[in-house]
PDB file of N, CA and C in Angstrom:
ATOM      1  N   THR A   1     -10.408 -35.383  22.112  1.00  0.00           N
ATOM      2  CA  THR A   1      -9.194 -35.876  21.910  1.00  0.00           C
ATOM      3  C   THR A   1      -8.950 -36.073  20.210  1.00  0.00           C
ATOM      4  N   VAL A   2      -7.765 -36.313  19.873  1.00  0.00           N
ATOM      5  CA  VAL A   2      -7.472 -36.527  18.449  1.00  0.00           C
ATOM      6  C   VAL A   2      -8.141 -37.694  17.835  1.00  0.00           C
ATOM      7  N   ILE A   3      -8.193 -38.746  18.534  1.00  0.00           N
ATOM      8  CA  ILE A   3      -8.809 -40.097  18.079  1.00  0.00           C
ATOM      9  C   ILE A   3     -10.374 -39.800  17.895  1.00  0.00           C
ATOM     10  N   VAL A   4     -11.061 -39.122  18.881  1.00  0.00           N
ATOM     11  CA  VAL A   4     -12.380 -38.871  18.641  1.00  0.00           C
ATOM     12  C   VAL A   4     -12.664 -37.808  17.534  1.00  0.00           C
ATOM     13  N   ASP A   5     -11.778 -36.805  17.315  1.00  0.00           N
ATOM     14  CA  ASP A   5     -11.877 -35.927  16.000  1.00  0.00           C
ATOM     15  C   ASP A   5     -11.630 -36.724  14.795  1.00  0.00           C
ATOM     16  N   CYS A   6     -10.669 -37.664  14.755  1.00  0.00           N
ATOM     17  CA  CYS A   6     -10.491 -38.423  13.565  1.00  0.00           C
ATOM     18  C   CYS A   6     -11.605 -39.300  13.206  1.00  0.00           C
ATOM     19  N   SER A   7     -12.276 -39.894  14.174  1.00  0.00           N
ATOM     20  CA  SER A   7     -13.471 -40.708  14.084  1.00  0.00           C
ATOM     21  C   SER A   7     -14.587 -39.893  13.413  1.00  0.00           C
ATOM     22  N   ALA A   8     -14.744 -38.539  13.909  1.00  0.00           N
ATOM     23  CA  ALA A   8     -15.846 -37.729  13.525  1.00  0.00           C
ATOM     24  C   ALA A   8     -15.473 -37.345  12.113  1.00  0.00           C
ATOM     25  N   ALA A   9     -14.194 -37.142  11.715  1.00  0.00           N
ATOM     26  CA  ALA A   9     -13.898 -36.675  10.366  1.00  0.00           C
ATOM     27  C   ALA A   9     -14.161 -37.906   9.421  1.00  0.00           C
ATOM     28  N   ILE A  10     -13.808 -39.115   9.770  1.00  0.00           N
ATOM     29  CA  ILE A  10     -14.192 -40.237   9.064  1.00  0.00           C
ATOM     30  C   ILE A  10     -15.659 -40.379   8.854  1.00  0.00           C
ATOM     31  N   LYS A  11     -16.339 -40.317  10.003  1.00  0.00           N
ATOM     32  CA  LYS A  11     -17.746 -40.688   9.941  1.00  0.00           C
ATOM     33  C   LYS A  11     -18.364 -39.586   9.090  1.00  0.00           C
ATOM     34  N   TYR A  12     -18.015 -38.389   8.926  1.00  0.00           N
ATOM     35  CA  TYR A  12     -18.479 -37.327   8.025  1.00  0.00           C
ATOM     36  C   TYR A  12     -18.409 -37.748   6.510  1.00  0.00           C
ATOM     37  N   CYS A  13     -17.453 -38.471   6.239  1.00  0.00           N
ATOM     38  CA  CYS A  13     -17.271 -38.965   4.842  1.00  0.00           C
ATOM     39  C   CYS A  13     -18.046 -40.126   4.373  1.00  0.00           C
ATOM     40  N   LEU A  14     -18.670 -40.859   5.349  1.00  0.00           N
ATOM     41  CA  LEU A  14     -19.455 -42.024   4.921  1.00  0.00           C
ATOM     42  C   LEU A  14     -20.627 -41.803   3.920  1.00  0.00           C
ATOM     43  N   LEU A  15     -20.977 -42.648   3.247  1.00  0.00           N
ATOM     44  CA  LEU A  15     -21.967 -42.477   2.218  1.00  0.00           C
ATOM     45  C   LEU A  15     -23.452 -42.550   2.652  1.00  0.00           C
ATOM     46  N   SER A  16     -23.704 -43.643   3.529  1.00  0.00           N
ATOM     47  CA  SER A  16     -25.109 -43.976   3.758  1.00  0.00           C
ATOM     48  C   SER A  16     -25.292 -44.334   5.366  1.00  0.00           C
ATOM     49  N   LYS A  17     -26.417 -44.479   5.819  1.00  0.00           N
ATOM     50  CA  LYS A  17     -26.559 -44.880   7.311  1.00  0.00           C
ATOM     51  C   LYS A  17     -26.115 -46.317   7.540  1.00  0.00           C
ATOM     52  N   LEU A  18     -26.113 -47.146   6.493  1.00  0.00           N
ATOM     53  CA  LEU A  18     -25.651 -48.505   6.548  1.00  0.00           C
ATOM     54  C   LEU A  18     -24.146 -48.625   6.861  1.00  0.00           C
ATOM     55  N   ASP A  19     -23.369 -47.494   6.471  1.00  0.00           N
ATOM     56  CA  ASP A  19     -21.963 -47.433   6.585  1.00  0.00           C
ATOM     57  C   ASP A  19     -21.499 -47.222   8.059  1.00  0.00           C
ATOM     58  N   TRP A  20     -20.395 -47.746   8.368  1.00  0.00           N
ATOM     59  CA  TRP A  20     -19.831 -47.521   9.816  1.00  0.00           C
ATOM     60  C   TRP A  20     -18.208 -47.430   9.884  1.00  0.00           C
ATOM     61  N   VAL A  21     -17.933 -46.805  10.879  1.00  0.00           N
ATOM     62  CA  VAL A  21     -16.429 -46.669  11.272  1.00  0.00           C
ATOM     63  C   VAL A  21     -16.227 -47.199  12.737  1.00  0.00           C
ATOM     64  N   ALA A  22     -15.178 -47.996  12.986  1.00  0.00           N
ATOM     65  CA  ALA A  22     -14.845 -48.417  14.131  1.00  0.00           C
ATOM     66  C   ALA A  22     -13.443 -48.404  14.596  1.00  0.00           C
ATOM     67  N   ARG A  23     -13.116 -48.130  15.763  1.00  0.00           N
ATOM     68  CA  ARG A  23     -11.612 -47.908  16.087  1.00  0.00           C
ATOM     69  C   ARG A  23     -11.119 -49.426  16.099  1.00  0.00           C
ATOM     70  N   PHE A  24      -9.953 -49.594  15.532  1.00  0.00           N
ATOM     71  CA  PHE A  24      -9.411 -50.973  15.295  1.00  0.00           C
ATOM     72  C   PHE A  24      -8.287 -51.252  16.201  1.00  0.00           C
ATOM     73  N   GLY A  25      -7.919 -50.291  17.016  1.00  0.00           N
ATOM     74  CA  GLY A  25      -6.737 -50.430  17.861  1.00  0.00           C
ATOM     75  C   GLY A  25      -5.772 -49.134  17.571  1.00  0.00           C
ATOM     76  N   GLY A  26      -5.333 -48.645  18.676  1.00  0.00           N
ATOM     77  CA  GLY A  26      -4.269 -47.495  18.520  1.00  0.00           C
ATOM     78  C   GLY A  26      -4.886 -46.388  17.846  1.00  0.00           C
ATOM     79  N   ASP A  27      -4.347 -46.202  16.685  1.00  0.00           N
ATOM     80  CA  ASP A  27      -4.843 -45.035  15.811  1.00  0.00           C
ATOM     81  C   ASP A  27      -5.385 -45.561  14.582  1.00  0.00           C
ATOM     82  N   GLU A  28      -5.883 -46.886  14.483  1.00  0.00           N
ATOM     83  CA  GLU A  28      -6.300 -47.375  13.363  1.00  0.00           C
ATOM     84  C   GLU A  28      -7.817 -47.633  13.413  1.00  0.00           C
ATOM     85  N   PHE A  29      -8.524 -47.319  12.282  1.00  0.00           N
ATOM     86  CA  PHE A  29      -9.871 -47.382  11.960  1.00  0.00           C
ATOM     87  C   PHE A  29     -10.388 -48.361  11.037  1.00  0.00           C
ATOM     88  N   VAL A  30     -11.449 -49.037  11.074  1.00  0.00           N
ATOM     89  CA  VAL A  30     -11.982 -49.872  10.135  1.00  0.00           C
ATOM     90  C   VAL A  30     -13.321 -49.014   9.620  1.00  0.00           C
ATOM     91  N   VAL A  31     -13.386 -48.917   8.283  1.00  0.00           N
ATOM     92  CA  VAL A  31     -14.500 -48.238   7.661  1.00  0.00           C
ATOM     93  C   VAL A  31     -15.268 -49.323   6.756  1.00  0.00           C
ATOM     94  N   CYS A  32     -16.602 -49.487   6.859  1.00  0.00           N
ATOM     95  CA  CYS A  32     -17.420 -50.296   6.066  1.00  0.00           C
ATOM     96  C   CYS A  32     -18.442 -49.631   5.250  1.00  0.00           C
ATOM     97  N   LEU A  33     -18.103 -49.740   4.099  1.00  0.00           N
ATOM     98  CA  LEU A  33     -19.106 -49.056   3.100  1.00  0.00           C
ATOM     99  C   LEU A  33     -19.845 -49.988   2.348  1.00  0.00           C
ATOM    100  N   ASN A  34     -21.001 -50.374   2.990  1.00  0.00           N
ATOM    101  CA  ASN A  34     -21.988 -51.462   2.421  1.00  0.00           C
ATOM    102  C   ASN A  34     -22.407 -51.253   1.074  1.00  0.00           C
ATOM    103  N   GLY A  35     -22.067 -52.061   0.217  1.00  0.00           N
ATOM    104  CA  GLY A  35     -22.549 -52.039  -1.252  1.00  0.00           C
ATOM    105  C   GLY A  35     -21.909 -51.080  -2.118  1.00  0.00           C
ATOM    106  N   ALA A  36     -20.880 -50.343  -1.673  1.00  0.00           N
ATOM    107  CA  ALA A  36     -20.273 -49.262  -2.394  1.00  0.00           C
ATOM    108  C   ALA A  36     -19.349 -49.892  -3.591  1.00  0.00           C
ATOM    109  N   ALA A  37     -19.548 -49.309  -4.589  1.00  0.00           N
ATOM    110  CA  ALA A  37     -18.613 -49.661  -5.797  1.00  0.00           C
ATOM    111  C   ALA A  37     -17.235 -49.119  -5.461  1.00  0.00           C
ATOM    112  N   ARG A  38     -16.214 -49.942  -6.020  1.00  0.00           N
ATOM    113  CA  ARG A  38     -14.917 -49.739  -5.804  1.00  0.00           C
ATOM    114  C   ARG A  38     -14.406 -48.225  -6.163  1.00  0.00           C
ATOM    115  N   GLU A  39     -15.046 -47.566  -7.163  1.00  0.00           N
ATOM    116  CA  GLU A  39     -14.704 -46.185  -7.415  1.00  0.00           C
ATOM    117  C   GLU A  39     -15.090 -45.312  -6.345  1.00  0.00           C
ATOM    118  N   LYS A  40     -16.418 -45.676  -5.665  1.00  0.00           N
ATOM    119  CA  LYS A  40     -16.896 -44.695  -4.621  1.00  0.00           C
ATOM    120  C   LYS A  40     -16.141 -45.069  -3.486  1.00  0.00           C
ATOM    121  N   VAL A  41     -15.541 -46.215  -3.142  1.00  0.00           N
ATOM    122  CA  VAL A  41     -14.617 -46.429  -1.906  1.00  0.00           C
ATOM    123  C   VAL A  41     -13.453 -45.684  -2.090  1.00  0.00           C
ATOM    124  N   ILE A  42     -12.844 -45.620  -3.084  1.00  0.00           N
ATOM    125  CA  ILE A  42     -11.656 -44.857  -3.339  1.00  0.00           C
ATOM    126  C   ILE A  42     -11.946 -43.305  -3.209  1.00  0.00           C
ATOM    127  N   GLU A  43     -13.111 -42.852  -3.795  1.00  0.00           N
ATOM    128  CA  GLU A  43     -13.414 -41.493  -3.467  1.00  0.00           C
ATOM    129  C   GLU A  43     -13.581 -41.097  -2.104  1.00  0.00           C
ATOM    130  N   VAL A  44     -14.341 -42.083  -1.264  1.00  0.00           N
ATOM    131  CA  VAL A  44     -14.388 -41.874   0.169  1.00  0.00           C
ATOM    132  C   VAL A  44     -13.111 -41.862   0.744  1.00  0.00           C
ATOM    133  N   ALA A  45     -12.256 -42.806   0.393  1.00  0.00           N
ATOM    134  CA  ALA A  45     -10.751 -42.806   1.051  1.00  0.00           C
ATOM    135  C   ALA A  45      -9.942 -41.519   0.824  1.00  0.00           C
ATOM    136  N   LYS A  46     -10.072 -40.846  -0.388  1.00  0.00           N
ATOM    137  CA  LYS A  46      -9.523 -39.655  -0.644  1.00  0.00           C
ATOM    138  C   LYS A  46     -10.172 -38.559   0.204  1.00  0.00           C
ATOM    139  N   ASN A  47     -11.416 -38.577   0.370  1.00  0.00           N
ATOM    140  CA  ASN A  47     -12.144 -37.587   1.116  1.00  0.00           C
ATOM    141  C   ASN A  47     -11.703 -37.646   2.681  1.00  0.00           C
ATOM    142  N   ILE A  48     -11.549 -38.833   3.180  1.00  0.00           N
ATOM    143  CA  ILE A  48     -11.003 -39.098   4.580  1.00  0.00           C
ATOM    144  C   ILE A  48      -9.620 -38.578   4.784  1.00  0.00           C
ATOM    145  N   CYS A  49      -8.753 -38.859   3.731  1.00  0.00           N
ATOM    146  CA  CYS A  49      -7.408 -38.299   3.741  1.00  0.00           C
ATOM    147  C   CYS A  49      -7.425 -36.829   3.851  1.00  0.00           C
ATOM    148  N   LYS A  50      -8.179 -36.070   2.982  1.00  0.00           N
ATOM    149  CA  LYS A  50      -8.332 -34.764   3.050  1.00  0.00           C
ATOM    150  C   LYS A  50      -8.851 -34.138   4.350  1.00  0.00           C
ATOM    151  N   LYS A  51      -9.951 -34.813   4.768  1.00  0.00           N
ATOM    152  CA  LYS A  51     -10.699 -34.294   6.046  1.00  0.00           C
ATOM    153  C   LYS A  51      -9.570 -34.452   7.239  1.00  0.00           C
ATOM    154  N   ILE A  52      -8.873 -35.566   7.312  1.00  0.00           N
ATOM    155  CA  ILE A  52      -7.839 -35.698   8.411  1.00  0.00           C
ATOM    156  C   ILE A  52      -6.727 -34.716   8.160  1.00  0.00           C
ATOM    157  N   ALA A  53      -6.391 -34.440   7.069  1.00  0.00           N
ATOM    158  CA  ALA A  53      -5.306 -33.556   6.701  1.00  0.00           C
ATOM    159  C   ALA A  53      -5.524 -32.087   7.147  1.00  0.00           C
ATOM    160  N   ASP A  54      -6.835 -31.929   7.160  1.00  0.00           N
ATOM    161  CA  ASP A  54      -7.229 -30.415   7.349  1.00  0.00           C
ATOM    162  C   ASP A  54      -7.612 -30.258   8.925  1.00  0.00           C
ATOM    163  N   MET A  55      -7.360 -31.314   9.722  1.00  0.00           N
ATOM    164  CA  MET A  55      -7.675 -31.173  11.181  1.00  0.00           C
ATOM    165  C   MET A  55      -6.596 -30.415  11.740  1.00  0.00           C
ATOM    166  N   ARG A  56      -6.901 -29.688  12.818  1.00  0.00           N
ATOM    167  CA  ARG A  56      -5.864 -28.817  13.662  1.00  0.00           C
ATOM    168  C   ARG A  56      -6.070 -29.059  14.939  1.00  0.00           C
ATOM    169  N   ILE A  57      -5.156 -28.626  15.841  1.00  0.00           N
ATOM    170  CA  ILE A  57      -5.229 -28.628  17.370  1.00  0.00           C
ATOM    171  C   ILE A  57      -4.993 -27.151  17.625  1.00  0.00           C
ATOM    172  N   GLU A  58      -6.070 -26.652  18.390  1.00  0.00           N
ATOM    173  CA  GLU A  58      -6.162 -25.280  18.931  1.00  0.00           C
ATOM    174  C   GLU A  58      -4.894 -24.813  19.563  1.00  0.00           C
ATOM    175  N   GLU A  59      -4.490 -25.785  20.390  1.00  0.00           N
ATOM    176  CA  GLU A  59      -3.188 -25.305  21.147  1.00  0.00           C
ATOM    177  C   GLU A  59      -1.870 -25.286  20.311  1.00  0.00           C
ATOM    178  N   ASN A  60      -1.852 -25.923  19.288  1.00  0.00           N
ATOM    179  CA  ASN A  60      -0.679 -26.052  18.360  1.00  0.00           C
ATOM    180  C   ASN A  60      -1.011 -26.323  16.891  1.00  0.00           C
ATOM    181  N   ASP A  61      -1.234 -25.100  16.286  1.00  0.00           N
ATOM    182  CA  ASP A  61      -1.554 -25.153  14.763  1.00  0.00           C
ATOM    183  C   ASP A  61      -0.600 -25.812  13.961  1.00  0.00           C
ATOM    184  N   SER A  62       0.704 -25.931  14.381  1.00  0.00           N
ATOM    185  CA  SER A  62       1.733 -26.461  13.512  1.00  0.00           C
ATOM    186  C   SER A  62       1.673 -27.999  13.401  1.00  0.00           C
ATOM    187  N   VAL A  63       0.825 -28.584  14.365  1.00  0.00           N
ATOM    188  CA  VAL A  63       0.645 -30.098  14.309  1.00  0.00           C
ATOM    189  C   VAL A  63      -0.158 -30.459  13.072  1.00  0.00           C
ATOM    190  N   ARG A  64       0.392 -31.415  12.233  1.00  0.00           N
ATOM    191  CA  ARG A  64      -0.451 -31.770  10.970  1.00  0.00           C
ATOM    192  C   ARG A  64      -0.619 -33.337  11.136  1.00  0.00           C
ATOM    193  N   PHE A  65      -1.851 -33.787  10.545  1.00  0.00           N
ATOM    194  CA  PHE A  65      -2.282 -35.103  10.618  1.00  0.00           C
ATOM    195  C   PHE A  65      -2.270 -35.804   9.133  1.00  0.00           C
ATOM    196  N   SER A  66      -2.177 -36.957   9.191  1.00  0.00           N
ATOM    197  CA  SER A  66      -2.154 -37.589   7.781  1.00  0.00           C
ATOM    198  C   SER A  66      -2.807 -38.916   7.967  1.00  0.00           C
ATOM    199  N   ALA A  67      -3.343 -39.615   6.796  1.00  0.00           N
ATOM    200  CA  ALA A  67      -3.871 -40.874   7.006  1.00  0.00           C
ATOM    201  C   ALA A  67      -3.171 -41.854   6.041  1.00  0.00           C
ATOM    202  N   SER A  68      -3.065 -43.098   6.316  1.00  0.00           N
ATOM    203  CA  SER A  68      -2.641 -44.154   5.427  1.00  0.00           C
ATOM    204  C   SER A  68      -3.826 -45.087   5.319  1.00  0.00           C
ATOM    205  N   VAL A  69      -4.303 -45.426   4.020  1.00  0.00           N
ATOM    206  CA  VAL A  69      -5.547 -46.106   3.776  1.00  0.00           C
ATOM    207  C   VAL A  69      -5.199 -47.257   3.057  1.00  0.00           C
ATOM    208  N   GLY A  70      -5.648 -48.485   3.544  1.00  0.00           N
ATOM    209  CA  GLY A  70      -5.548 -49.761   2.806  1.00  0.00           C
ATOM    210  C   GLY A  70      -7.126 -50.160   2.323  1.00  0.00           C
ATOM    211  N   ILE A  71      -7.235 -50.447   1.203  1.00  0.00           N
ATOM    212  CA  ILE A  71      -8.681 -50.720   0.684  1.00  0.00           C
ATOM    213  C   ILE A  71      -8.613 -52.163   0.366  1.00  0.00           C
ATOM    214  N   SER A  72      -9.706 -52.902   0.685  1.00  0.00           N
ATOM    215  CA  SER A  72     -10.025 -54.226   0.266  1.00  0.00           C
ATOM    216  C   SER A  72     -11.642 -54.156  -0.079  1.00  0.00           C
ATOM    217  N   VAL A  73     -11.888 -54.755  -1.182  1.00  0.00           N
ATOM    218  CA  VAL A  73     -13.293 -54.881  -1.588  1.00  0.00           C
ATOM    219  C   VAL A  73     -13.514 -56.436  -1.693  1.00  0.00           C
ATOM    220  N   THR A  74     -14.595 -56.707  -1.148  1.00  0.00           N
ATOM    221  CA  THR A  74     -14.929 -58.218  -0.955  1.00  0.00           C
ATOM    222  C   THR A  74     -15.137 -58.874  -2.293  1.00  0.00           C
ATOM    223  N   HIS A  75     -14.565 -59.959  -2.469  1.00  0.00           N
ATOM    224  CA  HIS A  75     -14.706 -60.703  -3.754  1.00  0.00           C
ATOM    225  C   HIS A  75     -15.293 -62.084  -3.406  1.00  0.00           C
ATOM    226  N   GLY A  76     -16.354 -62.408  -3.977  1.00  0.00           N
ATOM    227  CA  GLY A  76     -17.088 -63.775  -3.697  1.00  0.00           C
ATOM    228  C   GLY A  76     -17.255 -64.094  -2.275  1.00  0.00           C
ATOM    229  N   ASN A  77     -16.614 -65.102  -1.722  1.00  0.00           N
ATOM    230  CA  ASN A  77     -16.974 -65.738  -0.304  1.00  0.00           C
ATOM    231  C   ASN A  77     -15.863 -65.477   0.598  1.00  0.00           C
ATOM    232  N   MET A  78     -15.343 -64.236   0.643  1.00  0.00           N
ATOM    233  CA  MET A  78     -14.346 -63.751   1.544  1.00  0.00           C
ATOM    234  C   MET A  78     -14.860 -63.798   2.908  1.00  0.00           C
ATOM    235  N   THR A  79     -14.077 -64.093   3.891  1.00  0.00           N
ATOM    236  CA  THR A  79     -14.463 -64.084   5.366  1.00  0.00           C
ATOM    237  C   THR A  79     -14.142 -62.530   5.694  1.00  0.00           C
ATOM    238  N   ALA A  80     -14.574 -62.107   6.821  1.00  0.00           N
ATOM    239  CA  ALA A  80     -14.234 -60.860   7.451  1.00  0.00           C
ATOM    240  C   ALA A  80     -12.771 -60.797   7.747  1.00  0.00           C
ATOM    241  N   ALA A  81     -12.315 -61.831   8.368  1.00  0.00           N
ATOM    242  CA  ALA A  81     -10.788 -61.923   8.575  1.00  0.00           C
ATOM    243  C   ALA A  81      -9.945 -61.769   7.333  1.00  0.00           C
ATOM    244  N   GLU A  82     -10.311 -62.399   6.174  1.00  0.00           N
ATOM    245  CA  GLU A  82      -9.701 -62.254   5.071  1.00  0.00           C
ATOM    246  C   GLU A  82      -9.708 -60.794   4.509  1.00  0.00           C
ATOM    247  N   LEU A  83     -10.813 -60.229   4.571  1.00  0.00           N
ATOM    248  CA  LEU A  83     -11.063 -58.824   4.173  1.00  0.00           C
ATOM    249  C   LEU A  83     -10.142 -57.863   4.884  1.00  0.00           C
ATOM    250  N   LEU A  84     -10.128 -58.113   6.234  1.00  0.00           N
ATOM    251  CA  LEU A  84      -9.426 -57.343   7.218  1.00  0.00           C
ATOM    252  C   LEU A  84      -7.994 -57.449   6.871  1.00  0.00           C
ATOM    253  N   ALA A  85      -7.426 -58.541   6.722  1.00  0.00           N
ATOM    254  CA  ALA A  85      -6.007 -58.912   6.488  1.00  0.00           C
ATOM    255  C   ALA A  85      -5.683 -58.193   5.237  1.00  0.00           C
ATOM    256  N   LEU A  86      -6.482 -58.284   4.216  1.00  0.00           N
ATOM    257  CA  LEU A  86      -5.937 -57.570   2.916  1.00  0.00           C
ATOM    258  C   LEU A  86      -5.942 -56.099   3.054  1.00  0.00           C
ATOM    259  N   ALA A  87      -7.010 -55.550   3.633  1.00  0.00           N
ATOM    260  CA  ALA A  87      -6.893 -54.030   4.042  1.00  0.00           C
ATOM    261  C   ALA A  87      -5.762 -53.597   4.831  1.00  0.00           C
ATOM    262  N   ASP A  88      -5.542 -54.504   5.877  1.00  0.00           N
ATOM    263  CA  ASP A  88      -4.457 -54.253   6.783  1.00  0.00           C
ATOM    264  C   ASP A  88      -2.942 -54.273   6.150  1.00  0.00           C
ATOM    265  N   ALA A  89      -2.730 -55.200   5.264  1.00  0.00           N
ATOM    266  CA  ALA A  89      -1.541 -55.345   4.488  1.00  0.00           C
ATOM    267  C   ALA A  89      -1.381 -54.086   3.655  1.00  0.00           C
ATOM    268  N   ARG A  90      -2.435 -53.790   3.149  1.00  0.00           N
ATOM    269  CA  ARG A  90      -2.362 -52.466   2.181  1.00  0.00           C
ATOM    270  C   ARG A  90      -2.162 -51.118   2.852  1.00  0.00           C
ATOM    271  N   MET A  91      -2.800 -51.022   4.144  1.00  0.00           N
ATOM    272  CA  MET A  91      -2.545 -50.004   5.002  1.00  0.00           C
ATOM    273  C   MET A  91      -1.039 -49.857   5.348  1.00  0.00           C
ATOM    274  N   TYR A  92      -0.481 -50.966   5.710  1.00  0.00           N
ATOM    275  CA  TYR A  92       0.917 -50.794   6.043  1.00  0.00           C
ATOM    276  C   TYR A  92       1.832 -50.524   4.933  1.00  0.00           C
ATOM    277  N   LYS A  93       1.494 -51.033   3.629  1.00  0.00           N
ATOM    278  CA  LYS A  93       2.219 -50.618   2.379  1.00  0.00           C
ATOM    279  C   LYS A  93       2.020 -49.004   2.093  1.00  0.00           C
ATOM    280  N   ALA A  94       0.595 -48.437   2.450  1.00  0.00           N
ATOM    281  CA  ALA A  94       0.476 -47.119   2.359  1.00  0.00           C
ATOM    282  C   ALA A  94       1.335 -46.485   3.218  1.00  0.00           C
ATOM    283  N   LYS A  95       1.567 -46.747   4.521  1.00  0.00           N
ATOM    284  CA  LYS A  95       2.409 -46.196   5.646  1.00  0.00           C
ATOM    285  C   LYS A  95       3.782 -45.988   5.125  1.00  0.00           C
ATOM    286  N   LYS A  96       4.258 -47.084   4.418  1.00  0.00           N
ATOM    287  CA  LYS A  96       5.779 -47.058   4.013  1.00  0.00           C
ATOM    288  C   LYS A  96       5.906 -46.156   2.877  1.00  0.00           C
ATOM    289  N   ILE A  97       4.911 -45.942   2.022  1.00  0.00           N
ATOM    290  CA  ILE A  97       5.002 -45.046   0.869  1.00  0.00           C
ATOM    291  C   ILE A  97       4.921 -43.632   1.335  1.00  0.00           C
ATOM    292  N   GLY A  98       4.150 -43.301   2.367  1.00  0.00           N
ATOM    293  CA  GLY A  98       4.209 -41.748   2.636  1.00  0.00           C
ATOM    294  C   GLY A  98       2.799 -41.284   3.385  1.00  0.00           C
ATOM    295  N   LYS A  99       2.819 -40.146   3.571  1.00  0.00           N
ATOM    296  CA  LYS A  99       1.561 -39.524   4.218  1.00  0.00           C
ATOM    297  C   LYS A  99       0.462 -39.410   3.225  1.00  0.00           C
ATOM    298  N   ASN A 100      -0.669 -39.662   3.706  1.00  0.00           N
ATOM    299  CA  ASN A 100      -2.000 -39.303   2.904  1.00  0.00           C
ATOM    300  C   ASN A 100      -2.051 -40.256   1.518  1.00  0.00           C
ATOM    301  N   CYS A 101      -1.670 -41.499   1.868  1.00  0.00           N
ATOM    302  CA  CYS A 101      -1.587 -42.426   0.659  1.00  0.00           C
ATOM    303  C   CYS A 101      -2.542 -43.598   0.803  1.00  0.00           C
ATOM    304  N   ILE A 102      -3.098 -43.977  -0.290  1.00  0.00           N
ATOM    305  CA  ILE A 102      -4.083 -44.856  -0.368  1.00  0.00           C
ATOM    306  C   ILE A 102      -3.652 -46.001  -1.352  1.00  0.00           C
ATOM    307  N   VAL A 103      -3.786 -47.224  -0.676  1.00  0.00           N
ATOM    308  CA  VAL A 103      -3.412 -48.476  -1.384  1.00  0.00           C
ATOM    309  C   VAL A 103      -4.559 -49.308  -1.610  1.00  0.00           C
ATOM    310  N   ALA A 104      -4.945 -49.748  -2.859  1.00  0.00           N
ATOM    311  CA  ALA A 104      -6.135 -50.590  -3.062  1.00  0.00           C
ATOM    312  C   ALA A 104      -5.846 -51.876  -3.488  1.00  0.00           C
ATOM    313  N   ASP A 105      -6.619 -52.864  -3.409  1.00  0.00           N
ATOM    314  CA  ASP A 105      -6.517 -54.131  -4.027  1.00  0.00           C
ATOM    315  C   ASP A 105      -7.445 -54.183  -5.315  1.00  0.00           C
ATOM    316  N   GLY A 106      -7.103 -55.163  -5.970  1.00  0.00           N
ATOM    317  CA  GLY A 106      -8.004 -55.527  -7.152  1.00  0.00           C
ATOM    318  C   GLY A 106      -7.223 -55.082  -8.435  1.00  0.00           C
ATOM    319  N   PRO A 107      -7.813 -55.630  -9.560  1.00  0.00           N
ATOM    320  CA  PRO A 107      -7.320 -55.184 -11.016  1.00  0.00           C
ATOM    321  C   PRO A 107      -6.957 -53.735 -11.119  1.00  0.00           C
ATOM    322  N   GLY A 108      -5.769 -53.351 -11.544  1.00  0.00           N
ATOM    323  CA  GLY A 108      -5.294 -52.106 -11.819  1.00  0.00           C
ATOM    324  C   GLY A 108      -5.291 -51.115 -10.638  1.00  0.00           C
ATOM    325  N   LEU A 109      -5.473 -51.706  -9.455  1.00  0.00           N
ATOM    326  CA  LEU A 109      -5.448 -50.829  -8.264  1.00  0.00           C
ATOM    327  C   LEU A 109      -4.165 -51.251  -7.269  1.00  0.00           C
ATOM    328  N   GLU A 110      -3.307 -51.997  -7.760  1.00  0.00           N
ATOM    329  CA  GLU A 110      -2.263 -52.432  -6.960  1.00  0.00           C
ATOM    330  C   GLU A 110      -1.172 -51.325  -6.674  1.00  0.00           C
ATOM    331  N   LYS A 111      -1.248 -50.264  -7.209  1.00  0.00           N
ATOM    332  CA  LYS A 111      -0.300 -49.010  -7.081  1.00  0.00           C
ATOM    333  C   LYS A 111      -0.737 -48.039  -6.118  1.00  0.00           C
ATOM    334  N   PRO A 112      -0.030 -47.342  -5.427  1.00  0.00           N
ATOM    335  CA  PRO A 112      -0.571 -46.327  -4.475  1.00  0.00           C
ATOM    336  C   PRO A 112      -1.168 -45.150  -5.251  1.00  0.00           C
ATOM    337  N   LEU A 113      -2.277 -44.651  -4.627  1.00  0.00           N
ATOM    338  CA  LEU A 113      -3.088 -43.598  -5.209  1.00  0.00           C
ATOM    339  C   LEU A 113      -2.862 -42.508  -4.393  1.00  0.00           C
ATOM    340  N   GLN A 114      -2.322 -41.197  -4.778  1.00  0.00           N
ATOM    341  CA  GLN A 114      -2.210 -40.206  -4.019  1.00  0.00           C
ATOM    342  C   GLN A 114      -3.405 -39.183  -4.090  1.00  0.00           C
TER     343      GLN A 114
END
C-alpha cells in the first residue's frame, strides 16, 4: 500500500539505528532522529520529501506524491507532547504553503524551506 511505501521511503532516510519512524494517524508520520543536529534534521527532511516525491504506483504512473514536514527540535525540558505539538503546528503550516514544503522551528528557521 501507499502508506507502507511511504514508511519505507522515510525509514530509508534515517541516520542511525536509534532513529525511528511511526505512523501518527491517517497519512501522518512521526520521525525521531536521536541526537541529530538541526542541520542534519533539515537534510533528512529534504531527503524524505525527495524520496516520497519519487514514489510511483505501477497501475498509474501519473499519480504523484508529496510531503509536508514540520520540524521541532527539543529545547531544554520539553515534554514529548510539547515537541509533537510544535512539529504538528509546523506541518500544518507547511501543508498550507504547498507541496514538498518543510517548516522548522528555532532561530532563523521560521520560514518555509523548499
